[in-house]
C-alpha atoms as a PDB file:
ATOM      1  CA  MET A   1      -0.105   0.105   0.451  1.00  0.00           C
ATOM      2  CA  ALA A   2       0.829   3.701  -1.097  1.00  0.00           C
ATOM      3  CA  THR A   3       2.283   5.740   1.907  1.00  0.00           C
ATOM      4  CA  LEU A   4       0.097   9.128   2.601  1.00  0.00           C
ATOM      5  CA  ARG A   5       2.731  11.323   0.200  1.00  0.00           C
ATOM      6  CA  GLU A   6       2.771   8.541  -2.930  1.00  0.00           C
ATOM      7  CA  ARG A   7      -1.110   8.712  -2.937  1.00  0.00           C
ATOM      8  CA  LYS A   8      -1.283  12.570  -2.796  1.00  0.00           C
ATOM      9  CA  THR A   9       1.634  11.929  -5.612  1.00  0.00           C
ATOM     10  CA  HIS A  10      -0.757  10.062  -7.613  1.00  0.00           C
ATOM     11  CA  ARG A  11      -3.535  11.849  -7.457  1.00  0.00           C
ATOM     12  CA  GLU A  12      -1.657  14.887  -8.409  1.00  0.00           C
ATOM     13  CA  LYS A  13       0.093  13.196 -11.471  1.00  0.00           C
ATOM     14  CA  VAL A  14      -3.592  11.908 -12.609  1.00  0.00           C
ATOM     15  CA  MET A  15      -4.984  15.116 -12.497  1.00  0.00           C
ATOM     16  CA  ARG A  16      -2.247  16.804 -14.476  1.00  0.00           C
ATOM     17  CA  ALA A  17      -2.160  14.170 -16.762  1.00  0.00           C
ATOM     18  CA  LEU A  18      -6.174  14.024 -17.332  1.00  0.00           C
ATOM     19  CA  TYR A  19      -6.235  17.715 -18.161  1.00  0.00           C
ATOM     20  CA  GLN A  20      -3.357  17.934 -20.606  1.00  0.00           C
ATOM     21  CA  ALA A  21      -4.685  14.728 -22.662  1.00  0.00           C
ATOM     22  CA  THR A  22      -7.909  16.426 -22.533  1.00  0.00           C
ATOM     23  CA  VAL A  23      -7.247  19.936 -22.976  1.00  0.00           C
ATOM     24  CA  GLY A  24      -9.389  20.703 -20.158  1.00  0.00           C
ATOM     25  CA  ASN A  25     -12.507  19.485 -22.156  1.00  0.00           C
ATOM     26  CA  ARG A  26     -14.910  17.561 -19.976  1.00  0.00           C
ATOM     27  CA  LEU A  27     -16.574  15.435 -23.263  1.00  0.00           C
ATOM     28  CA  LEU A  28     -12.756  13.639 -23.344  1.00  0.00           C
ATOM     29  CA  GLY A  29     -11.746  10.743 -21.546  1.00  0.00           C
ATOM     30  CA  VAL A  30      -8.260   8.805 -20.967  1.00  0.00           C
ATOM     31  CA  ASP A  31      -7.822   5.232 -20.861  1.00  0.00           C
ATOM     32  CA  GLY A  32      -7.047   3.839 -18.144  1.00  0.00           C
ATOM     33  CA  ALA A  33      -4.604   1.127 -18.753  1.00  0.00           C
ATOM     34  CA  LYS A  34      -2.804   4.315 -20.901  1.00  0.00           C
ATOM     35  CA  LEU A  35      -3.504   6.706 -17.779  1.00  0.00           C
ATOM     36  CA  ARG A  36      -1.243   3.466 -15.856  1.00  0.00           C
ATOM     37  CA  ASN A  37       1.513   3.069 -18.377  1.00  0.00           C
ATOM     38  CA  ASP A  38       2.104   6.892 -18.766  1.00  0.00           C
ATOM     39  CA  LEU A  39       2.274   7.592 -14.964  1.00  0.00           C
ATOM     40  CA  GLY A  40       3.724   4.219 -13.830  1.00  0.00           C
ATOM     41  CA  ILE A  41       1.402   3.962 -11.106  1.00  0.00           C
ATOM     42  CA  PRO A  42       0.640   0.534  -9.881  1.00  0.00           C
ATOM     43  CA  GLU A  43      -3.202  -0.503 -10.835  1.00  0.00           C
ATOM     44  CA  GLN A  44      -4.365  -0.705  -7.252  1.00  0.00           C
ATOM     45  CA  ASP A  45      -3.218   2.843  -6.387  1.00  0.00           C
ATOM     46  CA  LEU A  46      -4.779   4.117  -9.453  1.00  0.00           C
ATOM     47  CA  ALA A  47      -7.670   2.671  -8.612  1.00  0.00           C
ATOM     48  CA  ALA A  48      -7.388   4.003  -5.267  1.00  0.00           C
ATOM     49  CA  ALA A  49      -6.294   7.999  -7.095  1.00  0.00           C
ATOM     50  CA  CYS A  50      -9.424   7.672  -8.945  1.00  0.00           C
ATOM     51  CA  THR A  51     -11.661   6.364  -6.621  1.00  0.00           C
ATOM     52  CA  TYR A  52     -10.270   9.696  -4.157  1.00  0.00           C
ATOM     53  CA  LEU A  53     -10.693  12.218  -7.400  1.00  0.00           C
ATOM     54  CA  ALA A  54     -14.286  10.968  -7.665  1.00  0.00           C
ATOM     55  CA  GLY A  55     -15.386  11.081  -4.437  1.00  0.00           C
ATOM     56  CA  GLU A  56     -14.163  15.097  -4.341  1.00  0.00           C
ATOM     57  CA  GLY A  57     -16.259  15.249  -7.504  1.00  0.00           C
ATOM     58  CA  TRP A  58     -12.987  15.873  -9.791  1.00  0.00           C
ATOM     59  CA  VAL A  59     -13.301  12.808 -12.027  1.00  0.00           C
ATOM     60  CA  VAL A  60     -16.243  10.174 -13.226  1.00  0.00           C
ATOM     61  CA  VAL A  61     -14.533   6.959 -13.683  1.00  0.00           C
ATOM     62  CA  ASP A  62     -16.065   4.188 -15.986  1.00  0.00           C
ATOM     63  CA  TRP A  63     -14.782   0.809 -14.281  1.00  0.00           C
ATOM     64  CA  ALA A  64     -13.682  -2.531 -15.573  1.00  0.00           C
ATOM     65  CA  ARG A  65     -14.102  -5.921 -14.436  1.00  0.00           C
ATOM     66  CA  GLY A  66     -11.975  -6.127 -10.669  1.00  0.00           C
ATOM     67  CA  ASN A  67     -12.096  -2.461  -9.781  1.00  0.00           C
ATOM     68  CA  THR A  68      -9.923  -1.363 -12.781  1.00  0.00           C
ATOM     69  CA  PRO A  69     -10.292   2.206 -14.270  1.00  0.00           C
ATOM     70  CA  ALA A  70     -11.291   1.539 -17.453  1.00  0.00           C
ATOM     71  CA  MET A  71     -11.891   5.387 -18.634  1.00  0.00           C
ATOM     72  CA  VAL A  72     -11.129   8.194 -16.491  1.00  0.00           C
ATOM     73  CA  THR A  73     -12.573  11.822 -17.279  1.00  0.00           C
ATOM     74  CA  LEU A  74     -12.846  15.019 -15.663  1.00  0.00           C
ATOM     75  CA  THR A  75     -15.838  16.508 -14.158  1.00  0.00           C
ATOM     76  CA  HIS A  76     -16.404  20.684 -14.456  1.00  0.00           C
ATOM     77  CA  LEU A  77     -15.192  20.789 -11.479  1.00  0.00           C
ATOM     78  CA  GLY A  78     -11.953  19.026 -12.064  1.00  0.00           C
ATOM     79  CA  ILE A  79     -10.955  21.065 -14.428  1.00  0.00           C
ATOM     80  CA  GLN A  80     -11.679  24.297 -11.943  1.00  0.00           C
ATOM     81  CA  GLN A  81      -9.460  23.167  -9.913  1.00  0.00           C
ATOM     82  CA  MET A  82      -6.494  22.427 -12.233  1.00  0.00           C
ATOM     83  CA  GLU A  83      -7.506  26.124 -13.551  1.00  0.00           C
ATOM     84  CA  THR A  84      -7.091  27.598 -10.383  1.00  0.00           C
ATOM     85  CA  GLU A  85      -3.971  25.565  -9.567  1.00  0.00           C
ATOM     86  CA  GLU A  86      -2.649  26.575 -13.103  1.00  0.00           C
ATOM     87  CA  GLU A  87      -3.430  30.285 -12.364  1.00  0.00           C
ATOM     88  CA  GLU A  88      -1.619  29.869  -8.565  1.00  0.00           C
ATOM     89  CA  ARG A  89       1.544  28.811 -10.180  1.00  0.00           C
ATOM     90  CA  ARG A  90       1.791  31.857 -12.214  1.00  0.00           C
END
């Protein structure tokens, strides 16, 4: 099981990857396997990150068998969150 720091890092990586891949378009999603491979996050940890982010209302997850994210999509709130973070970094 990932440490607290690792879990936070996984969630941040997922959000950044989704935002960059979809260019803030909430109609586009990212394949869960692609996310896992691109980010190098273990399947169980990706599932935990997606569960947390969905609970926050920032993503919608289509689940495959075995609690594996099949497709992950940013919500309006998720896009707003990423835009706020982007503005704060400037």
